C-alpha cells in the first residue's frame, strides 16, 4: 500500500497456530532473534500448549517476550482487536485444521478455518493498514497438497490440482493472498511447503504415528500398527528447517510465493523400513493395512523443487530423511520408555498418555538410576 509508515517500537510478530508443530519451532526462532512474539490460542478446557511450554514466560516478569492471546480464525472481531492491540510487524498464519484425511469428514469446518479464516485475517490486516498507515508483512502457510494430482516434481509454476477438502481450502487461501497482494499492494507471501515433520508432529500424522509405534512396539506396549496407503510418496523434511524459510520470506523487499522442499521423495513403506530398521525390527511383522485410512481421492506422489527459495532466499534444508527419522525414533523411544515405567508402576493408560514431554524417571526410579 502507498503512504505507509513503519510501526514504531520493538519488532513484533503475531502467530496464529502457535501451539502447533510449526508454531513452536517458529517461536523459538523468532525469540532467538530478539522478537516480541504474540501467539493466538484457542480456548480449551485442557491445556493445549505442550509444544511451547518450555518457552513460557511469566507475564508478570519485566518485559516478557512471549505473549499468548485467546482467539480463533473463525472470529473476525477478535482478529481485528488483536491487530490493534499487538501492532505487529509480521504475521504468520499457521492455524488450520491440517489433517488431510480428517478434512473429508469435516469439510465445512476445514473450509471455515483454513480458507475463510485466511480471508478474515487478510481483510482485518487490510483495514488495519488503511486506518493506521502501518505496513504489515504476512506469511500464509500453503501446502504441497494444493498440487495434489499434478505430476512431480512440483514448483511454483506447477498447476494446482488439490484432492482433498484441506487442499482445496488451502488453495482458496493461497488465491485470497495473491488477490489481496495484487489488489491492495499488501505484503503477503505464500509458502508452498512440502511435508515437514519432527518429534513435535501430532501423533495422528503418518510419520509420527509410525515412530510412536516403533517405540511402543520396542517396549512391548503395542503389537500392531494400522496404516493406509503404503505406496504414497512424499517429500519429507524437518520442520525446524522450514520455519527458517518462512522467516526469510518476510525479510524480502517484495512478497512472493516459494516452494520449500528437500527435493527427494520416499514412500510410506520406505519410511517404515528406515524407522523399524533403527531398532532392528522387521516392519512387516507389525504393520497391517486398514482401508479406513485410505483417502477417497489419493495424492500419489509429491516431490518439491525449491530452486527459487535457494536462489532468492538462500534457503536449503539441512536435515534429510535419515536424520529426520532417527531424530523422531530416538525421541519416541524415550517417550515409550517413560510410558513403560508408568505401566509397570501400575498407572492407568490415561495418565501414561500424559507422559509426553515429561521426564518421569526421577519419580519412578531410584535416584541413582534417574541421573
Protein backbone atom coordinates (compact mmCIF):
# COMPACT_ATOMS: atom_id res chain seq x y z
CA UNK A 1 0.00 0.00 0.00
CA UNK A 2 1.14 3.57 -0.59
CA UNK A 3 1.61 6.23 2.06
CA UNK A 4 2.53 3.74 4.79
CA UNK A 5 4.85 4.02 7.73
CA UNK A 6 6.79 1.52 9.76
CA UNK A 7 5.33 0.51 13.09
CA UNK A 8 7.22 2.02 15.99
CA UNK A 9 8.72 0.07 18.88
CA UNK A 10 10.41 -3.35 19.01
CA UNK A 11 9.93 -5.89 16.23
CA UNK A 12 6.79 -7.86 16.95
CA UNK A 13 5.34 -10.99 15.37
CA UNK A 14 1.82 -12.38 15.63
CA UNK A 15 1.50 -16.14 15.09
CA UNK A 16 -1.78 -17.96 14.58
CA UNK A 17 -1.42 -21.66 15.34
CA UNK A 18 1.44 -21.01 17.75
CA UNK A 19 0.73 -24.22 19.71
CA UNK A 20 1.27 -26.41 16.64
CA UNK A 21 4.47 -28.04 15.45
CA UNK A 22 5.46 -25.18 13.15
CA UNK A 23 4.32 -22.54 15.60
CA UNK A 24 6.59 -23.86 18.32
CA UNK A 25 9.69 -24.01 16.11
CA UNK A 26 8.94 -20.58 14.65
CA UNK A 27 8.52 -19.12 18.13
CA UNK A 28 11.92 -20.49 19.13
CA UNK A 29 13.48 -18.96 16.02
CA UNK A 30 11.90 -15.53 16.47
CA UNK A 31 12.72 -15.36 20.17
CA UNK A 32 16.34 -16.19 19.34
CA UNK A 33 16.33 -13.18 17.01
CA UNK A 34 15.04 -10.84 19.71
CA UNK A 35 11.42 -10.63 18.54
CA UNK A 36 8.48 -9.98 20.80
CA UNK A 37 6.19 -12.88 19.92
CA UNK A 38 2.42 -12.90 20.30
CA UNK A 39 0.56 -16.15 19.78
CA UNK A 40 -3.12 -16.84 19.19
CA UNK A 41 -4.51 -19.87 21.02
CA UNK A 42 -7.99 -21.35 21.10
CA UNK A 43 -9.77 -21.66 24.41
CA UNK A 44 -9.98 -25.28 25.61
CA UNK A 45 -10.87 -26.98 28.86
CA UNK A 46 -7.48 -28.70 28.85
CA UNK A 47 -4.06 -27.13 28.46
CA UNK A 48 -3.01 -27.33 24.82
CA UNK A 49 0.34 -25.54 24.99
CA UNK A 50 2.62 -28.57 25.36
CA UNK A 51 4.85 -27.67 22.43
CA UNK A 52 5.62 -24.17 23.73
CA UNK A 53 5.63 -24.80 27.50
CA UNK A 54 9.43 -24.70 27.51
CA UNK A 55 9.24 -21.17 26.07
CA UNK A 56 6.69 -19.88 28.57
CA UNK A 57 7.48 -16.57 30.20
CA UNK A 58 5.65 -15.28 33.26
CA UNK A 59 3.56 -12.30 32.07
CA UNK A 60 4.30 -10.66 35.42
CA UNK A 61 8.03 -10.69 34.73
CA UNK A 62 9.60 -7.49 33.44
CA UNK A 63 9.36 -7.17 29.64
CA UNK A 64 8.41 -10.75 28.69
CA UNK A 65 8.92 -11.52 25.00
CA UNK A 66 6.23 -14.21 24.63
CA UNK A 67 2.55 -13.35 24.97
CA UNK A 68 -0.48 -15.58 24.38
CA UNK A 69 -3.95 -14.34 23.42
CA UNK A 70 -7.23 -16.19 23.07
CA UNK A 71 -8.62 -16.06 19.57
CA UNK A 72 -9.72 -18.03 16.53
CA UNK A 73 -9.65 -17.58 12.78
CA UNK A 74 -13.42 -18.04 12.77
CA UNK A 75 -13.83 -14.82 14.80
CA UNK A 76 -13.10 -11.73 12.68
CA UNK A 77 -13.79 -9.32 15.53
CA UNK A 78 -11.09 -10.83 17.71
CA UNK A 79 -8.61 -10.76 14.83
CA UNK A 80 -9.16 -7.04 14.39
CA UNK A 81 -8.78 -6.40 18.10
CA UNK A 82 -5.57 -8.40 18.22
CA UNK A 83 -4.01 -6.38 15.41
CA UNK A 84 -4.88 -3.15 17.21
CA UNK A 85 -3.50 -4.47 20.49
CA UNK A 86 -0.32 -6.17 19.27
CA UNK A 87 0.58 -3.81 16.39
CA UNK A 88 2.73 -6.49 14.74
CA UNK A 89 5.38 -6.00 12.11
CA UNK A 90 4.97 -9.59 10.88
CA UNK A 91 2.04 -12.04 10.89
CA UNK A 92 2.48 -15.78 10.40
CA UNK A 93 -0.81 -17.52 9.62
CA UNK A 94 -0.17 -21.14 10.58
CA UNK A 95 -3.54 -22.02 12.12
CA UNK A 96 -5.59 -24.66 10.33
CA UNK A 97 -7.48 -27.91 10.52
CA UNK A 98 -4.49 -29.54 8.89
CA UNK A 99 -5.24 -33.27 8.86
CA UNK A 100 -5.90 -34.26 5.25
CA UNK A 101 -7.90 -37.44 5.92
CA UNK A 102 -9.99 -35.75 8.61
CA UNK A 103 -10.84 -32.93 6.20
CA UNK A 104 -13.03 -35.40 4.28
CA UNK A 105 -15.03 -35.97 7.46
CA UNK A 106 -15.36 -32.29 8.44
CA UNK A 107 -15.07 -30.39 5.14
CA UNK A 108 -17.19 -27.39 6.14
CA UNK A 109 -15.21 -26.76 9.33
CA UNK A 110 -11.96 -27.21 7.39
CA UNK A 111 -13.05 -24.62 4.83
CA UNK A 112 -14.19 -22.21 7.54
CA UNK A 113 -10.89 -22.25 9.40
CA UNK A 114 -8.46 -22.69 6.51
CA UNK A 115 -9.99 -20.73 3.62
CA UNK A 116 -12.35 -18.22 5.23
CA UNK A 117 -10.05 -17.92 8.23
CA UNK A 118 -7.28 -16.62 5.98
CA UNK A 119 -9.74 -14.28 4.26
CA UNK A 120 -10.83 -12.85 7.63
CA UNK A 121 -7.22 -12.27 8.60
CA UNK A 122 -6.32 -10.55 5.30
CA UNK A 123 -9.38 -8.33 5.49
CA UNK A 124 -8.56 -7.36 9.08
CA UNK A 125 -4.96 -6.64 8.06
CA UNK A 126 -6.12 -4.57 5.09
CA UNK A 127 -8.34 -2.41 7.31
CA UNK A 128 -5.58 -2.10 9.90
CA UNK A 129 -3.08 -0.89 7.30
CA UNK A 130 -5.58 1.53 5.82
CA UNK A 131 -6.51 3.00 9.20
CA UNK A 132 -3.02 3.21 10.73
CA UNK A 133 -0.81 3.68 7.64
CA UNK A 134 1.27 0.85 9.07
CA UNK A 135 3.00 -1.74 6.90
CA UNK A 136 2.45 -5.41 7.72
CA UNK A 137 4.29 -8.41 6.33
CA UNK A 138 2.16 -11.55 6.26
CA UNK A 139 3.14 -15.18 5.75
CA UNK A 140 0.38 -17.50 4.55
CA UNK A 141 1.04 -21.20 5.12
CA UNK A 142 0.33 -23.16 1.97
CA UNK A 143 0.86 -26.86 1.38
CA UNK A 144 2.03 -29.34 -1.22
CA UNK A 145 -1.48 -30.84 -1.03
CA UNK A 146 -2.53 -27.96 -3.28
CA UNK A 147 -0.61 -29.65 -6.12
CA UNK A 148 -2.39 -32.94 -5.47
CA UNK A 149 -2.61 -34.91 -8.70
CA UNK A 150 -0.13 -32.77 -10.67
CA UNK A 151 2.90 -34.90 -11.58
CA UNK A 152 6.18 -34.30 -9.73
CA UNK A 153 8.47 -32.50 -9.40
CA UNK A 154 6.24 -29.60 -8.34
CA UNK A 155 7.37 -25.98 -8.26
CA UNK A 156 5.79 -22.53 -8.07
CA UNK A 157 4.60 -22.66 -11.69
CA UNK A 158 3.11 -26.16 -11.47
CA UNK A 159 -0.65 -26.34 -11.99
CA UNK A 160 -2.68 -26.88 -8.85
CA UNK A 161 -4.95 -29.94 -8.59
CA UNK A 162 -5.93 -30.49 -4.94
CA UNK A 163 -7.51 -33.81 -4.00
CA UNK A 164 -8.99 -33.13 -0.55
CA UNK A 165 -11.13 -30.52 1.21
CA UNK A 166 -7.97 -29.48 3.04
CA UNK A 167 -6.05 -28.98 -0.20
CA UNK A 168 -8.94 -27.10 -1.80
CA UNK A 169 -9.27 -24.85 1.27
CA UNK A 170 -5.56 -24.09 1.32
CA UNK A 171 -5.70 -23.28 -2.38
CA UNK A 172 -8.52 -20.81 -1.74
CA UNK A 173 -6.42 -19.17 0.99
CA UNK A 174 -3.48 -19.03 -1.44
CA UNK A 175 -5.51 -17.19 -4.06
CA UNK A 176 -7.00 -14.85 -1.46
CA UNK A 177 -3.42 -13.96 -0.55
CA UNK A 178 -2.49 -13.33 -4.19
CA UNK A 179 -5.65 -11.27 -4.71
CA UNK A 180 -5.02 -9.00 -1.71
CA UNK A 181 -1.39 -8.65 -2.77
CA UNK A 182 -2.31 -7.63 -6.30
CA UNK A 183 -5.38 -5.57 -5.43
CA UNK A 184 -4.10 -3.59 -2.47
CA UNK A 185 -0.32 -3.91 -2.66
CA UNK A 186 -0.22 -5.83 0.61
CA UNK A 187 2.87 -7.85 1.52
CA UNK A 188 1.57 -11.42 1.69
CA UNK A 189 3.98 -14.25 0.93
CA UNK A 190 2.71 -17.76 0.23
CA UNK A 191 4.82 -20.64 1.44
CA UNK A 192 4.15 -23.80 -0.59
CA UNK A 193 5.58 -26.17 1.99
CA UNK A 194 6.04 -29.85 1.34
CA UNK A 195 5.72 -32.32 4.21
CA UNK A 196 7.80 -31.33 7.21
CA UNK A 197 7.96 -33.43 10.33
CA UNK A 198 9.60 -33.53 13.76
CA UNK A 199 9.26 -35.11 17.21
CA UNK A 200 6.58 -32.46 17.79
CA UNK A 201 4.39 -33.71 14.95
CA UNK A 202 0.88 -34.74 16.02
CA UNK A 203 0.55 -38.46 16.64
CA UNK A 204 -2.27 -38.90 14.10
CA UNK A 205 0.01 -37.89 11.21
CA UNK A 206 1.55 -40.88 9.46
CA UNK A 207 5.24 -40.18 10.19
CA UNK A 208 4.72 -39.64 13.91
CA UNK A 209 2.22 -42.49 14.04
CA UNK A 210 5.00 -44.72 12.73
CA UNK A 211 7.80 -43.53 15.02
CA UNK A 212 5.49 -43.56 18.04
CA UNK A 213 4.55 -47.16 17.23
CA UNK A 214 8.21 -48.13 16.80
CA UNK A 215 8.95 -47.02 20.35
CA UNK A 216 5.85 -48.65 21.84
CA UNK A 217 6.44 -51.93 19.96
CA UNK A 218 10.07 -51.98 21.06
CA UNK A 219 8.98 -51.68 24.71
CA UNK A 220 6.15 -54.19 24.42
CA UNK A 221 3.36 -51.63 24.75
CA UNK A 222 1.89 -52.24 21.30
CA UNK A 223 1.98 -55.12 18.85
CA UNK A 224 0.28 -53.81 15.69
CA UNK A 225 0.38 -50.62 13.62
CA UNK A 226 -2.52 -49.95 11.26
CA UNK A 227 -1.85 -47.72 8.24
CA UNK A 228 -3.43 -46.80 4.93
CA UNK A 229 -1.72 -46.47 1.55
CA UNK A 230 1.89 -47.61 1.91
CA UNK A 231 2.79 -46.64 -1.66
CA UNK A 232 2.11 -42.91 -1.30
CA UNK A 233 5.27 -40.91 -1.89
CA UNK A 234 6.10 -37.72 -0.02
CA UNK A 235 8.91 -35.17 0.20
CA UNK A 236 9.65 -35.17 3.94
CA UNK A 237 11.82 -32.53 5.63
CA UNK A 238 12.44 -31.19 9.14
CA UNK A 239 10.01 -28.58 10.46
CA UNK A 240 12.81 -26.66 12.17
CA UNK A 241 14.43 -26.04 8.78
CA UNK A 242 11.17 -24.98 7.18
CA UNK A 243 10.27 -22.26 9.69
CA UNK A 244 13.53 -20.53 8.81
CA UNK A 245 12.27 -20.36 5.24
CA UNK A 246 9.03 -18.77 6.46
CA UNK A 247 11.00 -16.07 8.26
CA UNK A 248 13.23 -15.45 5.24
CA UNK A 249 10.18 -14.87 3.03
CA UNK A 250 9.18 -11.92 5.21
CA UNK A 251 12.66 -10.40 5.16
CA UNK A 252 12.43 -9.69 1.42
CA UNK A 253 11.57 -6.35 -0.14
CA UNK A 254 8.86 -7.91 -2.30
CA UNK A 255 6.28 -10.54 -1.38
CA UNK A 256 6.24 -13.67 -3.50
CA UNK A 257 5.41 -17.38 -3.46
CA UNK A 258 8.02 -20.02 -2.63
CA UNK A 259 8.19 -23.80 -2.56
CA UNK A 260 10.08 -25.25 0.41
CA UNK A 261 11.06 -28.90 -0.02
CA UNK A 262 14.01 -31.28 0.19
CA UNK A 263 13.72 -32.37 -3.45
CA UNK A 264 13.61 -36.07 -2.53
CA UNK A 265 10.56 -38.33 -2.46
CA UNK A 266 10.03 -41.52 -0.44
CA UNK A 267 7.15 -43.92 0.02
CA UNK A 268 5.47 -44.62 3.34
CA UNK A 269 6.92 -48.12 3.02
CA UNK A 270 10.45 -46.70 2.76
CA UNK A 271 9.80 -44.60 5.86
CA UNK A 272 8.70 -47.77 7.66
CA UNK A 273 11.85 -49.63 6.64
CA UNK A 274 14.05 -46.81 7.94
CA UNK A 275 12.16 -46.34 11.21
CA UNK A 276 11.84 -50.02 12.18
CA UNK A 277 15.39 -50.69 10.99
CA UNK A 278 16.74 -48.30 13.62
CA UNK A 279 15.50 -50.68 16.35
CA UNK A 280 16.37 -53.79 14.31
CA UNK A 281 12.77 -54.87 13.75
CA UNK A 282 11.06 -56.01 10.54
CA UNK A 283 8.14 -53.67 9.88
CA UNK A 284 6.22 -56.40 8.04
CA UNK A 285 5.82 -58.29 11.31
CA UNK A 286 3.83 -55.45 12.86
CA UNK A 287 2.17 -53.33 10.16
CA UNK A 288 -1.32 -54.03 8.83
CA UNK A 289 -3.17 -52.11 6.13
CA UNK A 290 -6.59 -50.77 7.12
CA UNK A 291 -8.81 -49.42 4.33
CA UNK A 292 -10.34 -46.90 6.76
CA UNK A 293 -7.14 -44.87 6.47
CA UNK A 294 -7.32 -44.54 2.70
CA UNK A 295 -8.50 -41.22 1.31
CA UNK A 296 -11.48 -41.03 -1.05
CA UNK A 297 -9.11 -39.33 -3.53
CA UNK A 298 -5.42 -40.17 -3.17
CA UNK A 299 -2.39 -37.99 -3.77
CA UNK A 300 0.13 -40.48 -5.11
CA UNK A 301 3.39 -38.56 -5.37
CA UNK A 302 4.73 -35.24 -4.10
CA UNK A 303 8.27 -34.03 -4.70
CA UNK A 304 9.17 -30.36 -4.49
CA UNK A 305 11.61 -28.23 -6.42
CA UNK A 306 12.86 -25.48 -4.08
CA UNK A 307 15.28 -23.89 -6.57
CA UNK A 308 13.61 -20.49 -6.29
CA UNK A 309 13.86 -20.45 -2.49
CA UNK A 310 17.52 -21.44 -2.71
CA UNK A 311 18.38 -18.74 -5.25
CA UNK A 312 16.36 -15.85 -3.80
CA UNK A 313 16.10 -16.63 -0.09
CA UNK A 314 19.35 -18.52 0.30
CA UNK A 315 17.35 -21.31 1.93
CA UNK A 316 18.05 -25.01 1.80
CA UNK A 317 17.13 -27.87 4.15
CA UNK A 318 19.81 -29.14 6.49
CA UNK A 319 18.25 -32.43 7.58
CA UNK A 320 17.37 -35.20 5.13
CA UNK A 321 15.12 -38.21 5.65
CA UNK A 322 17.56 -40.50 7.50
CA UNK A 323 18.43 -37.80 10.02
CA UNK A 324 14.77 -36.87 10.43
CA UNK A 325 13.64 -40.45 11.07
CA UNK A 326 16.49 -41.01 13.53
CA UNK A 327 15.56 -37.85 15.43
CA UNK A 328 11.91 -38.87 15.66
CA UNK A 329 12.55 -42.50 16.58
CA UNK A 330 15.03 -41.58 19.31
CA UNK A 331 12.51 -39.14 20.80
CA UNK A 332 9.69 -41.68 20.72
CA UNK A 333 11.87 -44.42 22.19
CA UNK A 334 12.43 -42.20 25.22
CA UNK A 335 8.73 -41.48 25.40
CA UNK A 336 7.88 -45.18 25.21
CA UNK A 337 10.43 -45.90 27.95
CA UNK A 338 8.69 -43.41 30.23
CA UNK A 339 5.32 -44.90 29.35
CA UNK A 340 6.67 -48.36 30.14
CA UNK A 341 7.88 -47.19 33.55
CA UNK A 342 4.43 -45.82 34.32
CA UNK A 343 2.75 -49.01 33.08
CA UNK A 344 4.99 -51.18 35.25
CA UNK A 345 4.22 -48.93 38.21
CA UNK A 346 0.51 -49.54 37.70
CA UNK A 347 -0.52 -46.16 36.40
CA UNK A 348 -3.67 -46.14 34.20
CA UNK A 349 -3.45 -45.56 30.46
CA UNK A 350 -4.91 -42.04 30.72
CA UNK A 351 -2.03 -40.94 32.94
CA UNK A 352 0.56 -42.76 30.89
CA UNK A 353 -0.67 -40.88 27.83
CA UNK A 354 0.31 -37.63 29.53
CA UNK A 355 3.95 -38.66 29.72
CA UNK A 356 4.97 -36.84 26.55
CA UNK A 357 7.36 -34.03 27.29
CA UNK A 358 7.78 -35.13 30.91
CA UNK A 359 10.85 -36.79 32.39
CA UNK A 360 9.27 -39.06 35.00
CA UNK A 361 12.26 -41.30 35.63
CA UNK A 362 13.21 -39.42 38.77
CA UNK A 363 9.76 -40.07 40.21
CA UNK A 364 9.57 -43.75 39.40
CA UNK A 365 13.14 -44.98 39.72
CA UNK A 366 15.72 -44.91 42.48
CA UNK A 367 17.57 -41.61 42.45
CA UNK A 368 20.80 -43.25 41.36
CA UNK A 369 19.13 -44.52 38.17
CA UNK A 370 17.43 -41.26 37.23
CA UNK A 371 20.63 -39.33 36.65
